[in-house]
């Protein structure tokens, strides 16, 4: 989300997928304003395959949003998130962590 202009704004799953797919095209072709801005950060150093890794993560997020959420589902992709106590949280969930959390919440609701 960081390089795709969907971070830190309320956004629906459908709108996020459109933005992610547009970003993905730029990351794959290594051309465009989002690609140039991403590469200007020099994250990971000169030998780090940032565009390839960003393309992979962008594709995965777009696919998860398309297949696991209704188009009108609302999201907020936080940068450097904090919890209610002001402590920093890891805002990057794996799909497995998401599913485990969903199962936990479902089980708690059933009790």
Foldseek 3Di string as FASTA:
>chain_A
DVLQPQAQDKDFLQVLLVSLVVVLVCLVVVDDDSSVVQVVVCPPHDPDSVSVVSSVVSVVSSVCSVPPHDRRHIDHQYDQDADPVRHTDDSDDDPVRVVVVVVVVVVVVVD
